[in-house]
Amino acid sequence: MKHLTVMLVAGLIAASPVLAQDGLNGPDAFANITDQTERSAALFQEMGKVLTHPRCLNCHTVTGGPTQGDDMHAHEPPVVRGDADFGAPGMNCNTCHGTTNVGFSTEKGSIPGHDSWMLAPVSMGWQGVSLGEICAQIKDPARNGDRTLEDLYEHHAHDGLVGWGWDPGEGRKPAPGSQEIFGQLTRAWIDTGAACPG
């Protein structure tokens, strides 16, 4: 009897979906929504926990340069976007931001870094924008860097700069969940019609 109980419990654990990981639900949490369009919009709503997190919003600004910190205060030192979203000539993003996070030697915190550190284009600015508007924007090739939905999935699921949001260096809270769960949500959102929340 004990062996049978262990097998049943093990089977239930193996069959149970991962519903949440550090505040981000996986796609299985929405399986009970029978209407596909409603499920798709709910999946994007969950994706919004990442898209509207300071780790994303600090570089997805709509005006000026980047912001920083969980309170999204103005970048210090002051910097400007520049023509290529890479800072002003002579003061590009990589003047201070290297290819990896660098911890401070005398105090807590770090300078964030990743290969190709830069701002998102203004057309991909999300600060102060509703989640429905963000959804419409990221589906629009004219405003999303000419990406298809499949390109968007690859970007969310595998791009290293997106992944930085879950490994932001000392002194910063990571985005909720993981890039893996975020990629799974993106895949499920696309597969259910890529509907936007109202």
N, C-alpha and C. Protein backbone atom coordinates (compact mmCIF):
# COMPACT_ATOMS: atom_id res chain seq x y z
N MET A 1 0.83 -1.20 0.00
CA MET A 1 0.00 0.00 0.00
C MET A 1 0.87 1.26 0.00
N LYS A 2 1.94 1.26 0.81
CA LYS A 2 2.83 2.40 0.88
C LYS A 2 3.45 2.66 -0.50
N HIS A 3 3.86 1.58 -1.18
CA HIS A 3 4.46 1.71 -2.51
C HIS A 3 3.47 2.33 -3.50
N LEU A 4 2.21 1.90 -3.43
CA LEU A 4 1.17 2.42 -4.31
C LEU A 4 0.94 3.91 -4.04
N THR A 5 0.91 4.31 -2.75
CA THR A 5 0.73 5.71 -2.40
C THR A 5 1.86 6.57 -2.94
N VAL A 6 3.10 6.10 -2.79
CA VAL A 6 4.26 6.83 -3.29
C VAL A 6 4.15 6.97 -4.80
N MET A 7 3.73 5.90 -5.50
CA MET A 7 3.60 5.96 -6.95
C MET A 7 2.52 6.96 -7.36
N LEU A 8 1.39 6.97 -6.64
CA LEU A 8 0.31 7.90 -6.96
C LEU A 8 0.74 9.35 -6.75
N VAL A 9 1.41 9.60 -5.62
CA VAL A 9 1.88 10.95 -5.34
C VAL A 9 2.91 11.38 -6.39
N ALA A 10 3.85 10.49 -6.72
CA ALA A 10 4.86 10.80 -7.73
C ALA A 10 4.20 11.08 -9.08
N GLY A 11 3.17 10.30 -9.42
CA GLY A 11 2.46 10.52 -10.68
C GLY A 11 1.74 11.86 -10.71
N LEU A 12 1.14 12.23 -9.57
CA LEU A 12 0.46 13.52 -9.50
C LEU A 12 1.45 14.67 -9.62
N ILE A 13 2.60 14.53 -8.97
CA ILE A 13 3.62 15.58 -9.06
C ILE A 13 4.12 15.69 -10.49
N ALA A 14 4.39 14.57 -11.14
CA ALA A 14 4.89 14.58 -12.51
C ALA A 14 3.86 15.16 -13.47
N ALA A 15 2.58 14.93 -13.20
CA ALA A 15 1.52 15.41 -14.10
C ALA A 15 1.12 16.84 -13.82
N SER A 16 1.54 17.38 -12.67
CA SER A 16 1.13 18.73 -12.29
C SER A 16 1.91 19.76 -13.10
N PRO A 17 1.21 20.74 -13.67
CA PRO A 17 1.91 21.79 -14.40
C PRO A 17 2.61 22.73 -13.43
N VAL A 18 3.65 23.38 -13.90
CA VAL A 18 4.28 24.43 -13.12
C VAL A 18 3.40 25.65 -13.27
N LEU A 19 2.69 26.00 -12.21
CA LEU A 19 1.71 27.08 -12.31
C LEU A 19 2.32 28.44 -12.05
N ALA A 20 3.33 28.51 -11.22
CA ALA A 20 3.91 29.80 -10.92
C ALA A 20 5.38 29.63 -10.57
N GLN A 21 6.16 30.60 -10.97
CA GLN A 21 7.57 30.62 -10.63
C GLN A 21 7.92 32.05 -10.29
N ASP A 22 8.12 32.31 -9.01
CA ASP A 22 8.46 33.65 -8.55
C ASP A 22 7.50 34.70 -9.09
N GLY A 23 6.20 34.43 -8.97
CA GLY A 23 5.20 35.42 -9.34
C GLY A 23 4.74 35.39 -10.78
N LEU A 24 5.21 34.45 -11.58
CA LEU A 24 4.80 34.37 -12.97
C LEU A 24 4.19 33.00 -13.24
N ASN A 25 2.92 32.98 -13.61
CA ASN A 25 2.24 31.73 -13.93
C ASN A 25 2.66 31.21 -15.29
N GLY A 26 2.76 29.91 -15.42
CA GLY A 26 3.02 29.29 -16.71
C GLY A 26 1.72 29.15 -17.50
N PRO A 27 1.81 28.78 -18.78
CA PRO A 27 0.63 28.67 -19.63
C PRO A 27 -0.44 27.72 -19.11
N ASP A 28 -0.04 26.67 -18.40
CA ASP A 28 -1.02 25.70 -17.91
C ASP A 28 -2.01 26.31 -16.93
N ALA A 29 -1.64 27.42 -16.30
CA ALA A 29 -2.54 28.08 -15.35
C ALA A 29 -3.77 28.65 -16.05
N PHE A 30 -3.74 28.74 -17.38
CA PHE A 30 -4.84 29.35 -18.13
C PHE A 30 -5.61 28.32 -18.96
N ALA A 31 -5.28 27.05 -18.76
CA ALA A 31 -5.90 25.98 -19.55
C ALA A 31 -7.41 25.87 -19.32
N ASN A 32 -7.89 26.34 -18.18
CA ASN A 32 -9.33 26.23 -17.90
C ASN A 32 -10.15 27.32 -18.59
N ILE A 33 -9.51 28.26 -19.26
CA ILE A 33 -10.24 29.29 -20.02
C ILE A 33 -10.55 28.69 -21.38
N THR A 34 -11.81 28.35 -21.61
CA THR A 34 -12.18 27.59 -22.81
C THR A 34 -12.21 28.44 -24.07
N ASP A 35 -12.57 29.71 -23.96
CA ASP A 35 -12.58 30.58 -25.13
C ASP A 35 -11.13 30.93 -25.49
N GLN A 36 -10.72 30.57 -26.70
CA GLN A 36 -9.32 30.73 -27.10
C GLN A 36 -8.87 32.19 -27.09
N THR A 37 -9.72 33.10 -27.54
CA THR A 37 -9.36 34.52 -27.56
C THR A 37 -9.20 35.05 -26.14
N GLU A 38 -10.12 34.65 -25.25
CA GLU A 38 -10.00 35.06 -23.85
C GLU A 38 -8.74 34.50 -23.22
N ARG A 39 -8.42 33.24 -23.53
CA ARG A 39 -7.20 32.63 -22.99
C ARG A 39 -5.97 33.37 -23.51
N SER A 40 -5.97 33.71 -24.79
CA SER A 40 -4.85 34.41 -25.38
C SER A 40 -4.63 35.77 -24.70
N ALA A 41 -5.71 36.51 -24.50
CA ALA A 41 -5.60 37.81 -23.84
C ALA A 41 -5.12 37.65 -22.39
N ALA A 42 -5.59 36.59 -21.72
CA ALA A 42 -5.14 36.33 -20.34
C ALA A 42 -3.65 35.97 -20.31
N LEU A 43 -3.20 35.22 -21.29
CA LEU A 43 -1.77 34.90 -21.38
C LEU A 43 -0.93 36.16 -21.56
N PHE A 44 -1.42 37.08 -22.40
CA PHE A 44 -0.66 38.32 -22.58
C PHE A 44 -0.69 39.16 -21.31
N GLN A 45 -1.80 39.13 -20.61
CA GLN A 45 -1.89 39.84 -19.33
C GLN A 45 -0.80 39.32 -18.39
N GLU A 46 -0.60 38.00 -18.38
CA GLU A 46 0.46 37.42 -17.54
C GLU A 46 1.84 37.84 -18.05
N MET A 47 2.03 37.84 -19.36
CA MET A 47 3.29 38.32 -19.94
C MET A 47 3.57 39.77 -19.51
N GLY A 48 2.48 40.52 -19.32
CA GLY A 48 2.62 41.92 -18.91
C GLY A 48 3.34 42.10 -17.59
N LYS A 49 3.33 41.08 -16.73
CA LYS A 49 4.09 41.17 -15.48
C LYS A 49 5.58 41.36 -15.75
N VAL A 50 6.04 40.80 -16.86
CA VAL A 50 7.44 40.98 -17.27
C VAL A 50 7.59 42.27 -18.07
N LEU A 51 6.74 42.46 -19.06
CA LEU A 51 6.86 43.60 -19.96
C LEU A 51 6.79 44.93 -19.24
N THR A 52 6.04 45.00 -18.14
CA THR A 52 5.88 46.25 -17.40
C THR A 52 6.74 46.29 -16.14
N HIS A 53 7.67 45.36 -16.02
CA HIS A 53 8.60 45.36 -14.88
C HIS A 53 9.72 46.37 -15.15
N PRO A 54 10.24 47.00 -14.11
CA PRO A 54 11.33 47.98 -14.33
C PRO A 54 12.53 47.43 -15.11
N ARG A 55 12.81 46.12 -15.02
CA ARG A 55 13.94 45.60 -15.80
C ARG A 55 13.73 45.80 -17.29
N CYS A 56 12.48 45.80 -17.74
CA CYS A 56 12.18 46.06 -19.15
C CYS A 56 11.93 47.54 -19.39
N LEU A 57 11.11 48.15 -18.54
CA LEU A 57 10.70 49.53 -18.79
C LEU A 57 11.85 50.52 -18.76
N ASN A 58 12.89 50.26 -17.98
CA ASN A 58 14.00 51.21 -17.89
C ASN A 58 14.68 51.45 -19.24
N CYS A 59 14.61 50.49 -20.12
CA CYS A 59 15.18 50.67 -21.47
C CYS A 59 14.12 50.83 -22.54
N HIS A 60 12.86 50.59 -22.21
CA HIS A 60 11.76 50.78 -23.15
C HIS A 60 11.06 52.10 -22.82
N THR A 61 11.83 53.20 -22.92
CA THR A 61 11.30 54.52 -22.59
C THR A 61 10.66 55.15 -23.82
N VAL A 62 9.77 56.10 -23.58
CA VAL A 62 9.09 56.75 -24.71
C VAL A 62 9.70 58.10 -25.04
N THR A 63 10.42 58.69 -24.12
CA THR A 63 11.08 59.97 -24.38
C THR A 63 12.45 59.94 -23.72
N GLY A 64 13.32 60.82 -24.17
CA GLY A 64 14.62 60.99 -23.53
C GLY A 64 15.45 59.74 -23.48
N GLY A 65 16.24 59.63 -22.44
CA GLY A 65 17.14 58.50 -22.28
C GLY A 65 16.57 57.44 -21.37
N PRO A 66 17.44 56.55 -20.90
CA PRO A 66 16.98 55.46 -20.04
C PRO A 66 16.65 55.95 -18.63
N THR A 67 15.91 55.11 -17.92
CA THR A 67 15.72 55.29 -16.48
C THR A 67 16.42 54.13 -15.79
N GLN A 68 16.46 54.16 -14.48
CA GLN A 68 17.13 53.08 -13.75
C GLN A 68 16.50 52.87 -12.39
N GLY A 69 16.76 51.69 -11.84
CA GLY A 69 16.24 51.34 -10.52
C GLY A 69 14.80 50.87 -10.58
N ASP A 70 14.35 50.30 -9.46
CA ASP A 70 12.96 49.84 -9.39
C ASP A 70 11.98 51.00 -9.42
N ASP A 71 12.44 52.19 -9.02
CA ASP A 71 11.56 53.37 -9.06
C ASP A 71 11.66 54.11 -10.40
N MET A 72 12.48 53.60 -11.30
CA MET A 72 12.64 54.13 -12.66
C MET A 72 12.99 55.62 -12.65
N HIS A 73 13.95 55.99 -11.81
CA HIS A 73 14.40 57.38 -11.77
C HIS A 73 15.32 57.66 -12.97
N ALA A 74 15.56 58.94 -13.21
CA ALA A 74 16.41 59.33 -14.34
C ALA A 74 17.80 58.71 -14.21
N HIS A 75 18.36 58.33 -15.33
CA HIS A 75 19.69 57.71 -15.37
C HIS A 75 20.74 58.67 -14.84
N GLU A 76 21.61 58.15 -14.00
CA GLU A 76 22.76 58.91 -13.50
C GLU A 76 24.03 58.18 -13.89
N PRO A 77 24.96 58.81 -14.56
CA PRO A 77 24.94 60.21 -14.97
C PRO A 77 23.91 60.44 -16.07
N PRO A 78 23.50 61.69 -16.26
CA PRO A 78 22.53 61.97 -17.31
C PRO A 78 23.06 61.56 -18.69
N VAL A 79 22.23 60.87 -19.45
CA VAL A 79 22.60 60.47 -20.80
C VAL A 79 21.42 60.73 -21.72
N VAL A 80 21.71 60.79 -23.01
CA VAL A 80 20.65 60.98 -24.00
C VAL A 80 20.58 59.74 -24.88
N ARG A 81 19.46 59.61 -25.56
CA ARG A 81 19.21 58.45 -26.40
C ARG A 81 20.20 58.35 -27.56
N GLY A 82 20.41 59.46 -28.26
CA GLY A 82 21.26 59.45 -29.45
C GLY A 82 20.50 58.96 -30.66
N ASP A 83 21.09 59.16 -31.84
CA ASP A 83 20.42 58.83 -33.09
C ASP A 83 20.16 57.34 -33.27
N ALA A 84 21.02 56.50 -32.73
CA ALA A 84 20.90 55.05 -32.93
C ALA A 84 20.44 54.32 -31.67
N ASP A 85 19.86 55.05 -30.69
CA ASP A 85 19.41 54.46 -29.42
C ASP A 85 20.57 53.86 -28.64
N PHE A 86 21.76 54.42 -28.85
CA PHE A 86 22.98 53.86 -28.27
C PHE A 86 23.78 54.94 -27.54
N GLY A 87 23.12 56.07 -27.23
CA GLY A 87 23.79 57.17 -26.56
C GLY A 87 24.34 58.19 -27.54
N ALA A 88 24.84 59.28 -26.98
CA ALA A 88 25.40 60.36 -27.80
C ALA A 88 26.78 59.97 -28.31
N PRO A 89 27.21 60.56 -29.44
CA PRO A 89 28.58 60.31 -29.91
C PRO A 89 29.58 60.65 -28.80
N GLY A 90 30.51 59.77 -28.57
CA GLY A 90 31.50 59.97 -27.52
C GLY A 90 31.02 59.56 -26.14
N MET A 91 29.74 59.26 -26.00
CA MET A 91 29.18 58.82 -24.71
C MET A 91 28.17 57.72 -24.99
N ASN A 92 28.59 56.73 -25.78
CA ASN A 92 27.72 55.59 -26.08
C ASN A 92 27.46 54.78 -24.83
N CYS A 93 26.43 53.96 -24.88
CA CYS A 93 26.07 53.11 -23.74
C CYS A 93 27.27 52.29 -23.26
N ASN A 94 28.06 51.78 -24.21
CA ASN A 94 29.17 50.91 -23.80
C ASN A 94 30.37 51.68 -23.26
N THR A 95 30.26 52.99 -23.13
CA THR A 95 31.29 53.75 -22.41
C THR A 95 31.34 53.27 -20.96
N CYS A 96 30.17 53.00 -20.40
CA CYS A 96 30.09 52.52 -19.00
C CYS A 96 29.63 51.08 -18.89
N HIS A 97 28.79 50.65 -19.82
CA HIS A 97 28.20 49.31 -19.75
C HIS A 97 29.00 48.34 -20.61
N GLY A 98 29.64 47.38 -19.94
CA GLY A 98 30.40 46.36 -20.66
C GLY A 98 29.53 45.19 -21.07
N THR A 99 30.18 44.08 -21.34
CA THR A 99 29.46 42.90 -21.83
C THR A 99 28.86 42.06 -20.70
N THR A 100 29.23 42.35 -19.45
CA THR A 100 28.68 41.62 -18.30
C THR A 100 28.42 42.60 -17.16
N ASN A 101 27.62 42.17 -16.19
CA ASN A 101 27.42 42.96 -14.98
C ASN A 101 28.74 43.05 -14.24
N VAL A 102 29.03 44.23 -13.67
CA VAL A 102 30.27 44.43 -12.93
C VAL A 102 29.90 44.96 -11.55
N GLY A 103 30.25 44.19 -10.50
CA GLY A 103 29.97 44.61 -9.14
C GLY A 103 30.88 45.73 -8.69
N PHE A 104 30.35 46.60 -7.85
CA PHE A 104 31.17 47.67 -7.26
C PHE A 104 32.15 47.05 -6.28
N SER A 105 33.34 47.60 -6.19
CA SER A 105 34.34 47.03 -5.29
C SER A 105 34.22 47.59 -3.88
N THR A 106 33.64 48.78 -3.72
CA THR A 106 33.62 49.40 -2.39
C THR A 106 32.23 49.49 -1.78
N GLU A 107 31.21 49.17 -2.51
CA GLU A 107 29.84 49.25 -1.98
C GLU A 107 28.98 48.22 -2.69
N LYS A 108 27.76 48.02 -2.16
CA LYS A 108 26.85 47.08 -2.78
C LYS A 108 26.28 47.65 -4.07
N GLY A 109 25.99 46.78 -5.00
CA GLY A 109 25.41 47.20 -6.26
C GLY A 109 26.30 46.80 -7.42
N SER A 110 25.90 47.20 -8.61
CA SER A 110 26.65 46.82 -9.80
C SER A 110 26.28 47.72 -10.96
N ILE A 111 27.15 47.71 -11.96
CA ILE A 111 26.85 48.35 -13.23
C ILE A 111 26.35 47.25 -14.14
N PRO A 112 25.12 47.39 -14.67
CA PRO A 112 24.61 46.32 -15.52
C PRO A 112 25.35 46.27 -16.86
N GLY A 113 25.41 45.09 -17.41
CA GLY A 113 26.06 44.95 -18.70
C GLY A 113 25.62 43.72 -19.46
N HIS A 114 25.73 43.82 -20.75
CA HIS A 114 25.44 42.72 -21.66
C HIS A 114 25.98 43.14 -23.01
N ASP A 115 26.39 42.18 -23.81
CA ASP A 115 26.84 42.49 -25.16
C ASP A 115 25.71 43.22 -25.89
N SER A 116 26.01 44.34 -26.51
CA SER A 116 25.04 45.15 -27.24
C SER A 116 24.03 45.79 -26.29
N TRP A 117 24.53 46.50 -25.29
CA TRP A 117 23.68 47.23 -24.35
C TRP A 117 23.17 48.48 -25.04
N MET A 118 21.85 48.65 -25.08
CA MET A 118 21.27 49.81 -25.76
C MET A 118 19.81 49.98 -25.38
N LEU A 119 19.26 51.14 -25.72
CA LEU A 119 17.84 51.41 -25.52
C LEU A 119 17.02 50.76 -26.62
N ALA A 120 15.80 50.42 -26.28
CA ALA A 120 14.84 50.03 -27.32
C ALA A 120 14.46 51.29 -28.09
N PRO A 121 14.16 51.18 -29.38
CA PRO A 121 13.73 52.35 -30.14
C PRO A 121 12.48 52.98 -29.53
N VAL A 122 12.28 54.27 -29.78
CA VAL A 122 11.11 54.97 -29.25
C VAL A 122 9.82 54.27 -29.68
N SER A 123 9.81 53.69 -30.88
CA SER A 123 8.60 52.98 -31.35
C SER A 123 8.26 51.80 -30.46
N MET A 124 9.23 51.34 -29.66
CA MET A 124 8.99 50.25 -28.72
C MET A 124 8.97 50.76 -27.28
N GLY A 125 8.68 52.04 -27.10
CA GLY A 125 8.59 52.61 -25.76
C GLY A 125 7.33 52.16 -25.05
N TRP A 126 7.47 51.77 -23.78
CA TRP A 126 6.34 51.22 -23.03
C TRP A 126 6.02 51.98 -21.76
N GLN A 127 6.88 52.87 -21.31
CA GLN A 127 6.59 53.57 -20.07
C GLN A 127 5.34 54.42 -20.24
N GLY A 128 4.38 54.26 -19.32
CA GLY A 128 3.15 55.03 -19.36
C GLY A 128 2.16 54.58 -20.42
N VAL A 129 2.40 53.43 -21.04
CA VAL A 129 1.55 52.91 -22.11
C VAL A 129 0.75 51.73 -21.55
N SER A 130 -0.51 51.62 -21.92
CA SER A 130 -1.34 50.53 -21.40
C SER A 130 -0.86 49.19 -21.95
N LEU A 131 -1.20 48.12 -21.27
CA LEU A 131 -0.80 46.79 -21.70
C LEU A 131 -1.41 46.44 -23.05
N GLY A 132 -2.64 46.85 -23.29
CA GLY A 132 -3.26 46.63 -24.59
C GLY A 132 -2.50 47.32 -25.71
N GLU A 133 -2.03 48.55 -25.44
CA GLU A 133 -1.25 49.29 -26.43
C GLU A 133 0.12 48.63 -26.66
N ILE A 134 0.73 48.13 -25.59
CA ILE A 134 2.00 47.41 -25.73
C ILE A 134 1.79 46.19 -26.62
N CYS A 135 0.71 45.48 -26.39
CA CYS A 135 0.40 44.29 -27.18
C CYS A 135 0.26 44.63 -28.66
N ALA A 136 -0.51 45.68 -28.97
CA ALA A 136 -0.68 46.09 -30.36
C ALA A 136 0.65 46.50 -30.97
N GLN A 137 1.49 47.17 -30.20
CA GLN A 137 2.78 47.63 -30.69
C GLN A 137 3.72 46.47 -31.01
N ILE A 138 3.79 45.48 -30.10
CA ILE A 138 4.76 44.41 -30.35
C ILE A 138 4.33 43.48 -31.48
N LYS A 139 3.05 43.55 -31.86
CA LYS A 139 2.59 42.75 -33.00
C LYS A 139 2.76 43.48 -34.33
N ASP A 140 3.07 44.76 -34.28
CA ASP A 140 3.11 45.61 -35.47
C ASP A 140 4.55 45.67 -36.02
N PRO A 141 4.84 45.03 -37.14
CA PRO A 141 6.20 45.05 -37.70
C PRO A 141 6.75 46.46 -37.94
N ALA A 142 5.87 47.42 -38.19
CA ALA A 142 6.31 48.80 -38.40
C ALA A 142 6.85 49.43 -37.12
N ARG A 143 6.48 48.86 -35.96
CA ARG A 143 6.91 49.43 -34.68
C ARG A 143 7.72 48.46 -33.82
N ASN A 144 7.90 47.21 -34.28
CA ASN A 144 8.57 46.22 -33.43
C ASN A 144 9.92 45.76 -33.99
N GLY A 145 10.49 46.54 -34.89
CA GLY A 145 11.76 46.13 -35.48
C GLY A 145 11.59 45.15 -36.62
N ASP A 146 10.43 45.18 -37.28
CA ASP A 146 10.11 44.31 -38.41
C ASP A 146 10.11 42.83 -38.03
N ARG A 147 9.63 42.53 -36.81
CA ARG A 147 9.58 41.15 -36.34
C ARG A 147 8.23 40.51 -36.64
N THR A 148 8.28 39.24 -37.04
CA THR A 148 7.07 38.43 -37.13
C THR A 148 6.75 37.93 -35.72
N LEU A 149 5.61 37.29 -35.56
CA LEU A 149 5.30 36.70 -34.26
C LEU A 149 6.33 35.63 -33.89
N GLU A 150 6.80 34.87 -34.86
CA GLU A 150 7.83 33.86 -34.57
C GLU A 150 9.13 34.51 -34.15
N ASP A 151 9.48 35.62 -34.80
CA ASP A 151 10.67 36.37 -34.38
C ASP A 151 10.51 36.86 -32.95
N LEU A 152 9.30 37.32 -32.63
CA LEU A 152 9.02 37.81 -31.28
C LEU A 152 9.18 36.69 -30.26
N TYR A 153 8.67 35.51 -30.59
CA TYR A 153 8.85 34.36 -29.70
C TYR A 153 10.34 34.11 -29.46
N GLU A 154 11.13 34.06 -30.53
CA GLU A 154 12.58 33.82 -30.39
C GLU A 154 13.22 34.90 -29.53
N HIS A 155 12.82 36.13 -29.73
CA HIS A 155 13.34 37.26 -28.96
C HIS A 155 13.04 37.06 -27.47
N HIS A 156 11.79 36.78 -27.16
CA HIS A 156 11.40 36.61 -25.75
C HIS A 156 12.04 35.38 -25.12
N ALA A 157 12.08 34.29 -25.87
CA ALA A 157 12.51 33.01 -25.29
C ALA A 157 14.02 32.82 -25.26
N HIS A 158 14.75 33.47 -26.18
CA HIS A 158 16.18 33.13 -26.31
C HIS A 158 17.14 34.30 -26.36
N ASP A 159 16.67 35.52 -26.55
CA ASP A 159 17.58 36.66 -26.67
C ASP A 159 18.28 36.92 -25.33
N GLY A 160 19.58 37.09 -25.39
CA GLY A 160 20.37 37.29 -24.17
C GLY A 160 20.06 38.60 -23.47
N LEU A 161 19.79 39.67 -24.21
CA LEU A 161 19.49 40.94 -23.56
C LEU A 161 18.14 40.87 -22.83
N VAL A 162 17.17 40.18 -23.41
CA VAL A 162 15.91 39.93 -22.71
C VAL A 162 16.20 39.09 -21.45
N GLY A 163 17.03 38.06 -21.61
CA GLY A 163 17.39 37.20 -20.48
C GLY A 163 18.09 37.93 -19.35
N TRP A 164 18.76 39.03 -19.66
CA TRP A 164 19.42 39.82 -18.62
C TRP A 164 18.43 40.23 -17.54
N GLY A 165 17.15 40.41 -17.91
CA GLY A 165 16.14 40.82 -16.94
C GLY A 165 16.01 39.87 -15.76
N TRP A 166 16.46 38.63 -15.91
CA TRP A 166 16.42 37.66 -14.82
C TRP A 166 17.80 37.46 -14.18
N ASP A 167 18.79 38.18 -14.68
CA ASP A 167 20.14 38.12 -14.11
C ASP A 167 20.72 39.54 -14.13
N PRO A 168 20.06 40.47 -13.40
CA PRO A 168 20.39 41.88 -13.56
C PRO A 168 21.56 42.40 -12.73
N GLY A 169 22.21 41.54 -11.99
CA GLY A 169 23.33 42.00 -11.18
C GLY A 169 22.89 42.44 -9.80
N GLU A 170 23.88 42.55 -8.92
CA GLU A 170 23.61 42.90 -7.53
C GLU A 170 22.95 44.27 -7.43
N GLY A 171 21.96 44.34 -6.55
CA GLY A 171 21.28 45.60 -6.30
C GLY A 171 20.02 45.80 -7.11
N ARG A 172 19.64 44.82 -7.94
CA ARG A 172 18.44 44.93 -8.77
C ARG A 172 17.57 43.70 -8.60
N LYS A 173 16.26 43.90 -8.54
CA LYS A 173 15.34 42.78 -8.49
C LYS A 173 15.16 42.24 -9.90
N PRO A 174 15.24 40.92 -10.07
CA PRO A 174 15.00 40.36 -11.41
C PRO A 174 13.52 40.45 -11.78
N ALA A 175 13.28 40.33 -13.06
CA ALA A 175 11.90 40.25 -13.55
C ALA A 175 11.25 39.01 -12.95
N PRO A 176 9.93 38.97 -12.85
CA PRO A 176 9.27 37.79 -12.27
C PRO A 176 9.43 36.55 -13.14
N GLY A 177 9.48 35.41 -12.48
CA GLY A 177 9.55 34.13 -13.19
C GLY A 177 10.91 33.86 -13.77
N SER A 178 10.94 33.43 -15.01
CA SER A 178 12.19 33.11 -15.71
C SER A 178 11.98 33.35 -17.20
N GLN A 179 13.07 33.44 -17.94
CA GLN A 179 12.94 33.60 -19.38
C GLN A 179 12.26 32.38 -19.99
N GLU A 180 12.50 31.22 -19.42
CA GLU A 180 11.86 30.00 -19.94
C GLU A 180 10.34 30.10 -19.84
N ILE A 181 9.83 30.50 -18.67
CA ILE A 181 8.38 30.64 -18.50
C ILE A 181 7.85 31.75 -19.39
N PHE A 182 8.58 32.85 -19.50
CA PHE A 182 8.16 33.96 -20.36
C PHE A 182 8.08 33.50 -21.82
N GLY A 183 9.05 32.71 -22.25
CA GLY A 183 9.00 32.15 -23.60
C GLY A 183 7.82 31.22 -23.80
N GLN A 184 7.52 30.40 -22.79
CA GLN A 184 6.37 29.50 -22.88
C GLN A 184 5.06 30.29 -22.97
N LEU A 185 4.97 31.36 -22.19
CA LEU A 185 3.77 32.21 -22.26
C LEU A 185 3.64 32.83 -23.64
N THR A 186 4.75 33.31 -24.18
CA THR A 186 4.72 33.92 -25.52
C THR A 186 4.29 32.91 -26.56
N ARG A 187 4.83 31.69 -26.47
CA ARG A 187 4.46 30.63 -27.42
C ARG A 187 2.96 30.34 -27.33
N ALA A 188 2.45 30.20 -26.11
CA ALA A 188 1.02 29.90 -25.92
C ALA A 188 0.15 31.06 -26.38
N TRP A 189 0.59 32.28 -26.14
CA TRP A 189 -0.15 33.47 -26.58
C TRP A 189 -0.26 33.48 -28.11
N ILE A 190 0.84 33.23 -28.79
CA ILE A 190 0.83 33.18 -30.26
C ILE A 190 -0.07 32.06 -30.75
N ASP A 191 0.08 30.88 -30.14
CA ASP A 191 -0.67 29.71 -30.59
C ASP A 191 -2.17 29.82 -30.37
N THR A 192 -2.58 30.73 -29.48
CA THR A 192 -4.01 30.93 -29.24
C THR A 192 -4.55 32.17 -29.96
N GLY A 193 -3.76 32.72 -30.86
CA GLY A 193 -4.25 33.82 -31.69
C GLY A 193 -3.66 35.17 -31.43
N ALA A 194 -2.73 35.28 -30.46
CA ALA A 194 -2.05 36.56 -30.16
C ALA A 194 -3.05 37.70 -29.92
N ALA A 195 -4.06 37.41 -29.10
CA ALA A 195 -5.07 38.42 -28.78
C ALA A 195 -4.53 39.39 -27.73
N CYS A 196 -5.02 40.61 -27.79
CA CYS A 196 -4.59 41.64 -26.84
C CYS A 196 -5.65 41.85 -25.77
N PRO A 197 -5.20 42.13 -24.54
CA PRO A 197 -6.19 42.44 -23.49
C PRO A 197 -6.88 43.77 -23.79
N GLY A 198 -8.12 43.88 -23.35
CA GLY A 198 -8.91 45.09 -23.60
C GLY A 198 -8.52 46.25 -22.75
